[in-house]
Amino acid sequence: GNEGAAARATPLSALGFSRMVMAFIAFTAIPYFLQRSVIESINSRAMVRFADDVENSMRLSAVLRSGASLSAAAADQTVDSQAQHLRQVLTTSYQLLERKLFTLPRLALLPGAMLGHPV
């Protein structure tokens, strides 16, 4: 059966192994790195824009609610403090969610790994 074929297979030379490694790096690792870098940059930029929009909306609604001038609202430490805390909550939530989403592909490999290596 397969045992005979495996025993007759010639071992891979060092040069052949090096070529396989270089092919793996060129066609798998580098495209993955580039894709992940681009996606993370786009996600980060979208998060900053979203946080800016939420913060600006909160500040604007505080100004319109109080009827104060823009300079008075800018000097209001309460609105500024609330805006900073809101941004911190948004940023922390985004970072947690992003970390969990990038873990999903690894979790998808878990069943196959467990089936391949039973205890």
N, C-alpha and C. Protein backbone atom coordinates (compact mmCIF):
# COMPACT_ATOMS: atom_id res chain seq x y z
N GLY A 1 0.81 -1.17 0.00
CA GLY A 1 0.00 0.00 0.00
C GLY A 1 0.85 1.24 0.00
N ASN A 2 0.48 2.18 0.83
CA ASN A 2 1.17 3.46 0.90
C ASN A 2 2.52 3.38 1.61
N GLU A 3 2.71 2.35 2.44
CA GLU A 3 3.98 2.23 3.17
C GLU A 3 5.14 2.03 2.20
N GLY A 4 4.93 1.20 1.19
CA GLY A 4 5.97 0.94 0.20
C GLY A 4 6.30 2.18 -0.61
N ALA A 5 5.27 2.94 -0.97
CA ALA A 5 5.50 4.16 -1.73
C ALA A 5 6.25 5.19 -0.89
N ALA A 6 5.91 5.28 0.40
CA ALA A 6 6.59 6.23 1.28
C ALA A 6 8.04 5.83 1.49
N ALA A 7 8.30 4.51 1.57
CA ALA A 7 9.67 4.04 1.78
C ALA A 7 10.51 4.25 0.53
N ARG A 8 9.91 4.17 -0.65
CA ARG A 8 10.66 4.35 -1.90
C ARG A 8 10.87 5.82 -2.25
N ALA A 9 10.14 6.73 -1.63
CA ALA A 9 10.27 8.15 -1.96
C ALA A 9 11.67 8.64 -1.59
N THR A 10 12.25 9.39 -2.49
CA THR A 10 13.59 9.90 -2.21
C THR A 10 13.49 11.09 -1.29
N PRO A 11 14.44 11.23 -0.38
CA PRO A 11 14.40 12.37 0.53
C PRO A 11 14.64 13.67 -0.24
N LEU A 12 14.09 14.72 0.27
CA LEU A 12 14.22 16.03 -0.35
C LEU A 12 15.61 16.59 -0.07
N SER A 13 16.27 17.05 -1.10
CA SER A 13 17.61 17.61 -0.91
C SER A 13 17.51 18.99 -0.24
N ALA A 14 18.62 19.47 0.26
CA ALA A 14 18.65 20.77 0.91
C ALA A 14 18.27 21.87 -0.08
N LEU A 15 18.75 21.76 -1.30
CA LEU A 15 18.42 22.75 -2.32
C LEU A 15 16.94 22.71 -2.66
N GLY A 16 16.38 21.50 -2.77
CA GLY A 16 14.95 21.37 -3.05
C GLY A 16 14.10 21.94 -1.93
N PHE A 17 14.53 21.67 -0.68
CA PHE A 17 13.81 22.22 0.47
C PHE A 17 13.88 23.74 0.47
N SER A 18 15.05 24.28 0.19
CA SER A 18 15.21 25.75 0.15
C SER A 18 14.31 26.36 -0.90
N ARG A 19 14.21 25.71 -2.04
CA ARG A 19 13.33 26.22 -3.11
C ARG A 19 11.86 26.20 -2.67
N MET A 20 11.47 25.12 -2.00
CA MET A 20 10.09 25.03 -1.52
C MET A 20 9.80 26.11 -0.48
N VAL A 21 10.77 26.37 0.39
CA VAL A 21 10.60 27.41 1.40
C VAL A 21 10.48 28.77 0.73
N MET A 22 11.32 29.05 -0.24
CA MET A 22 11.27 30.34 -0.94
C MET A 22 9.94 30.50 -1.68
N ALA A 23 9.46 29.43 -2.28
CA ALA A 23 8.16 29.49 -2.97
C ALA A 23 7.04 29.76 -1.97
N PHE A 24 7.09 29.11 -0.82
CA PHE A 24 6.08 29.34 0.21
C PHE A 24 6.11 30.79 0.67
N ILE A 25 7.30 31.32 0.91
CA ILE A 25 7.42 32.71 1.35
C ILE A 25 6.89 33.65 0.28
N ALA A 26 7.29 33.41 -0.97
CA ALA A 26 6.90 34.32 -2.06
C ALA A 26 5.41 34.27 -2.37
N PHE A 27 4.80 33.07 -2.32
CA PHE A 27 3.41 32.95 -2.77
C PHE A 27 2.39 32.85 -1.64
N THR A 28 2.85 32.71 -0.40
CA THR A 28 1.92 32.60 0.71
C THR A 28 2.17 33.65 1.78
N ALA A 29 3.37 33.69 2.31
CA ALA A 29 3.66 34.57 3.45
C ALA A 29 3.62 36.05 3.07
N ILE A 30 4.27 36.41 1.99
CA ILE A 30 4.32 37.83 1.59
C ILE A 30 2.93 38.35 1.21
N PRO A 31 2.15 37.63 0.37
CA PRO A 31 0.79 38.13 0.09
C PRO A 31 -0.08 38.25 1.34
N TYR A 32 0.05 37.29 2.27
CA TYR A 32 -0.71 37.36 3.52
C TYR A 32 -0.30 38.60 4.32
N PHE A 33 0.99 38.84 4.43
CA PHE A 33 1.48 40.01 5.16
C PHE A 33 0.97 41.30 4.53
N LEU A 34 1.05 41.41 3.21
CA LEU A 34 0.58 42.62 2.53
C LEU A 34 -0.93 42.81 2.70
N GLN A 35 -1.67 41.72 2.56
CA GLN A 35 -3.13 41.82 2.72
C GLN A 35 -3.48 42.26 4.13
N ARG A 36 -2.85 41.64 5.12
CA ARG A 36 -3.16 41.98 6.50
C ARG A 36 -2.78 43.43 6.81
N SER A 37 -1.64 43.88 6.30
CA SER A 37 -1.21 45.26 6.52
C SER A 37 -2.18 46.26 5.92
N VAL A 38 -2.61 45.99 4.69
CA VAL A 38 -3.54 46.89 4.02
C VAL A 38 -4.88 46.91 4.74
N ILE A 39 -5.40 45.75 5.09
CA ILE A 39 -6.70 45.67 5.77
C ILE A 39 -6.64 46.36 7.13
N GLU A 40 -5.55 46.15 7.88
CA GLU A 40 -5.42 46.79 9.19
C GLU A 40 -5.34 48.31 9.04
N SER A 41 -4.65 48.80 8.01
CA SER A 41 -4.57 50.25 7.78
C SER A 41 -5.94 50.83 7.45
N ILE A 42 -6.68 50.14 6.61
CA ILE A 42 -8.03 50.61 6.25
C ILE A 42 -8.94 50.59 7.47
N ASN A 43 -8.89 49.51 8.25
CA ASN A 43 -9.72 49.41 9.45
C ASN A 43 -9.37 50.50 10.46
N SER A 44 -8.09 50.74 10.63
CA SER A 44 -7.64 51.76 11.59
C SER A 44 -8.13 53.14 11.16
N ARG A 45 -8.00 53.44 9.89
CA ARG A 45 -8.45 54.74 9.37
C ARG A 45 -9.97 54.89 9.53
N ALA A 46 -10.71 53.83 9.25
CA ALA A 46 -12.16 53.88 9.40
C ALA A 46 -12.55 54.08 10.87
N MET A 47 -11.81 53.46 11.77
CA MET A 47 -12.10 53.63 13.20
C MET A 47 -11.85 55.06 13.65
N VAL A 48 -10.76 55.65 13.20
CA VAL A 48 -10.46 57.04 13.57
C VAL A 48 -11.56 57.96 13.05
N ARG A 49 -11.99 57.75 11.81
CA ARG A 49 -13.06 58.59 11.26
C ARG A 49 -14.36 58.41 12.03
N PHE A 50 -14.69 57.17 12.37
CA PHE A 50 -15.91 56.90 13.14
C PHE A 50 -15.84 57.57 14.51
N ALA A 51 -14.72 57.42 15.21
CA ALA A 51 -14.57 58.03 16.54
C ALA A 51 -14.64 59.55 16.44
N ASP A 52 -14.03 60.13 15.40
CA ASP A 52 -14.12 61.58 15.21
C ASP A 52 -15.56 62.02 14.99
N ASP A 53 -16.30 61.28 14.17
CA ASP A 53 -17.70 61.63 13.90
C ASP A 53 -18.55 61.55 15.17
N VAL A 54 -18.34 60.49 15.96
CA VAL A 54 -19.11 60.34 17.20
C VAL A 54 -18.77 61.46 18.17
N GLU A 55 -17.49 61.76 18.30
CA GLU A 55 -17.07 62.82 19.22
C GLU A 55 -17.60 64.18 18.78
N ASN A 56 -17.50 64.48 17.48
CA ASN A 56 -18.02 65.75 16.98
C ASN A 56 -19.52 65.85 17.17
N SER A 57 -20.23 64.76 16.94
CA SER A 57 -21.67 64.75 17.13
C SER A 57 -22.03 65.01 18.60
N MET A 58 -21.28 64.37 19.50
CA MET A 58 -21.55 64.58 20.92
C MET A 58 -21.28 66.03 21.33
N ARG A 59 -20.19 66.58 20.85
CA ARG A 59 -19.87 67.98 21.18
C ARG A 59 -20.91 68.93 20.61
N LEU A 60 -21.32 68.68 19.37
CA LEU A 60 -22.30 69.55 18.73
C LEU A 60 -23.64 69.48 19.45
N SER A 61 -24.06 68.29 19.83
CA SER A 61 -25.34 68.18 20.53
C SER A 61 -25.26 68.84 21.91
N ALA A 62 -24.09 68.81 22.56
CA ALA A 62 -23.94 69.48 23.85
C ALA A 62 -24.04 70.99 23.69
N VAL A 63 -23.47 71.51 22.61
CA VAL A 63 -23.53 72.95 22.35
C VAL A 63 -24.95 73.37 22.03
N LEU A 64 -25.62 72.62 21.17
CA LEU A 64 -26.97 72.99 20.78
C LEU A 64 -27.96 72.85 21.94
N ARG A 65 -27.72 71.87 22.80
CA ARG A 65 -28.60 71.66 23.94
C ARG A 65 -28.48 72.82 24.94
N SER A 66 -27.25 73.24 25.18
CA SER A 66 -27.06 74.29 26.19
C SER A 66 -27.27 75.68 25.62
N GLY A 67 -27.21 75.81 24.30
CA GLY A 67 -27.38 77.11 23.69
C GLY A 67 -26.15 77.99 23.86
N ALA A 68 -25.06 77.41 24.29
CA ALA A 68 -23.83 78.18 24.51
C ALA A 68 -23.12 78.42 23.18
N SER A 69 -22.20 79.34 23.22
CA SER A 69 -21.40 79.62 22.03
C SER A 69 -20.35 78.53 21.87
N LEU A 70 -19.74 78.48 20.70
CA LEU A 70 -18.71 77.48 20.45
C LEU A 70 -17.50 77.67 21.36
N SER A 71 -17.16 78.91 21.63
CA SER A 71 -15.99 79.15 22.50
C SER A 71 -16.28 78.70 23.93
N ALA A 72 -17.52 78.87 24.39
CA ALA A 72 -17.87 78.41 25.73
C ALA A 72 -17.87 76.89 25.79
N ALA A 73 -18.33 76.27 24.71
CA ALA A 73 -18.34 74.81 24.68
C ALA A 73 -16.92 74.25 24.63
N ALA A 74 -16.03 74.94 23.93
CA ALA A 74 -14.64 74.50 23.85
C ALA A 74 -13.96 74.61 25.21
N ALA A 75 -14.38 75.59 26.01
CA ALA A 75 -13.78 75.77 27.32
C ALA A 75 -14.42 74.87 28.38
N ASP A 76 -15.53 74.25 28.04
CA ASP A 76 -16.24 73.39 29.00
C ASP A 76 -15.46 72.09 29.20
N GLN A 77 -14.93 71.89 30.39
CA GLN A 77 -14.13 70.70 30.68
C GLN A 77 -15.00 69.45 30.77
N THR A 78 -16.26 69.61 31.11
CA THR A 78 -17.13 68.45 31.24
C THR A 78 -17.35 67.80 29.88
N VAL A 79 -17.65 68.59 28.87
CA VAL A 79 -17.85 68.06 27.52
C VAL A 79 -16.56 67.45 27.00
N ASP A 80 -15.43 68.13 27.24
CA ASP A 80 -14.14 67.62 26.78
C ASP A 80 -13.81 66.29 27.47
N SER A 81 -14.05 66.21 28.76
CA SER A 81 -13.78 64.99 29.50
C SER A 81 -14.67 63.85 29.00
N GLN A 82 -15.94 64.15 28.78
CA GLN A 82 -16.86 63.12 28.27
C GLN A 82 -16.44 62.65 26.88
N ALA A 83 -16.00 63.58 26.05
CA ALA A 83 -15.56 63.22 24.70
C ALA A 83 -14.32 62.33 24.75
N GLN A 84 -13.39 62.64 25.63
CA GLN A 84 -12.19 61.81 25.77
C GLN A 84 -12.54 60.41 26.25
N HIS A 85 -13.43 60.31 27.21
CA HIS A 85 -13.83 59.00 27.72
C HIS A 85 -14.59 58.20 26.66
N LEU A 86 -15.44 58.87 25.91
CA LEU A 86 -16.17 58.19 24.85
C LEU A 86 -15.21 57.65 23.79
N ARG A 87 -14.22 58.46 23.42
CA ARG A 87 -13.22 58.01 22.45
C ARG A 87 -12.45 56.81 22.98
N GLN A 88 -12.13 56.84 24.27
CA GLN A 88 -11.39 55.73 24.87
C GLN A 88 -12.23 54.44 24.85
N VAL A 89 -13.51 54.57 25.16
CA VAL A 89 -14.40 53.40 25.12
C VAL A 89 -14.50 52.86 23.69
N LEU A 90 -14.66 53.74 22.72
CA LEU A 90 -14.75 53.30 21.32
C LEU A 90 -13.46 52.62 20.87
N THR A 91 -12.32 53.20 21.21
CA THR A 91 -11.03 52.64 20.80
C THR A 91 -10.78 51.28 21.44
N THR A 92 -11.07 51.17 22.73
CA THR A 92 -10.87 49.90 23.42
C THR A 92 -11.79 48.83 22.86
N SER A 93 -13.04 49.18 22.60
CA SER A 93 -13.99 48.21 22.02
C SER A 93 -13.52 47.76 20.64
N TYR A 94 -13.06 48.70 19.84
CA TYR A 94 -12.56 48.37 18.50
C TYR A 94 -11.37 47.42 18.58
N GLN A 95 -10.43 47.71 19.47
CA GLN A 95 -9.24 46.87 19.59
C GLN A 95 -9.59 45.45 20.04
N LEU A 96 -10.51 45.33 20.98
CA LEU A 96 -10.94 44.01 21.43
C LEU A 96 -11.62 43.23 20.30
N LEU A 97 -12.52 43.89 19.60
CA LEU A 97 -13.24 43.25 18.50
C LEU A 97 -12.29 42.85 17.38
N GLU A 98 -11.36 43.72 17.06
CA GLU A 98 -10.41 43.41 15.99
C GLU A 98 -9.54 42.21 16.36
N ARG A 99 -9.08 42.16 17.59
CA ARG A 99 -8.25 41.05 18.05
C ARG A 99 -9.03 39.73 17.96
N LYS A 100 -10.30 39.77 18.37
CA LYS A 100 -11.12 38.56 18.33
C LYS A 100 -11.40 38.13 16.89
N LEU A 101 -11.64 39.08 15.99
CA LEU A 101 -11.92 38.73 14.60
C LEU A 101 -10.71 38.11 13.91
N PHE A 102 -9.50 38.59 14.24
CA PHE A 102 -8.30 38.02 13.62
C PHE A 102 -7.95 36.67 14.25
N THR A 103 -8.62 36.30 15.34
CA THR A 103 -8.41 34.99 15.96
C THR A 103 -9.31 33.94 15.31
N LEU A 104 -10.41 34.36 14.70
CA LEU A 104 -11.37 33.41 14.10
C LEU A 104 -10.74 32.44 13.09
N PRO A 105 -9.88 32.90 12.17
CA PRO A 105 -9.29 31.93 11.23
C PRO A 105 -8.46 30.86 11.94
N ARG A 106 -7.76 31.22 13.00
CA ARG A 106 -6.99 30.23 13.76
C ARG A 106 -7.92 29.24 14.45
N LEU A 107 -9.05 29.73 14.96
CA LEU A 107 -10.01 28.84 15.61
C LEU A 107 -10.63 27.86 14.60
N ALA A 108 -10.76 28.30 13.36
CA ALA A 108 -11.32 27.43 12.33
C ALA A 108 -10.39 26.25 12.04
N LEU A 109 -9.10 26.40 12.30
CA LEU A 109 -8.14 25.32 12.09
C LEU A 109 -8.14 24.30 13.23
N LEU A 110 -8.70 24.67 14.36
CA LEU A 110 -8.64 23.82 15.55
C LEU A 110 -9.27 22.43 15.36
N PRO A 111 -10.48 22.31 14.80
CA PRO A 111 -11.05 20.95 14.63
C PRO A 111 -10.18 20.03 13.80
N GLY A 112 -9.62 20.53 12.72
CA GLY A 112 -8.75 19.70 11.90
C GLY A 112 -7.49 19.28 12.63
N ALA A 113 -6.94 20.20 13.42
CA ALA A 113 -5.74 19.86 14.19
C ALA A 113 -6.05 18.81 15.26
N MET A 114 -7.21 18.93 15.87
CA MET A 114 -7.57 17.96 16.91
C MET A 114 -7.86 16.59 16.29
N LEU A 115 -8.47 16.56 15.11
CA LEU A 115 -8.72 15.28 14.46
C LEU A 115 -7.42 14.63 13.98
N GLY A 116 -6.47 15.45 13.56
CA GLY A 116 -5.20 14.95 13.09
C GLY A 116 -4.29 14.45 14.18
N HIS A 117 -4.49 14.93 15.41
CA HIS A 117 -3.65 14.54 16.53
C HIS A 117 -4.51 14.14 17.72
N PRO A 118 -5.17 12.99 17.63
CA PRO A 118 -6.01 12.58 18.76
C PRO A 118 -5.17 12.28 20.00
N VAL A 119 -5.79 12.46 21.14
CA VAL A 119 -5.09 12.23 22.41
C VAL A 119 -5.02 10.76 22.73
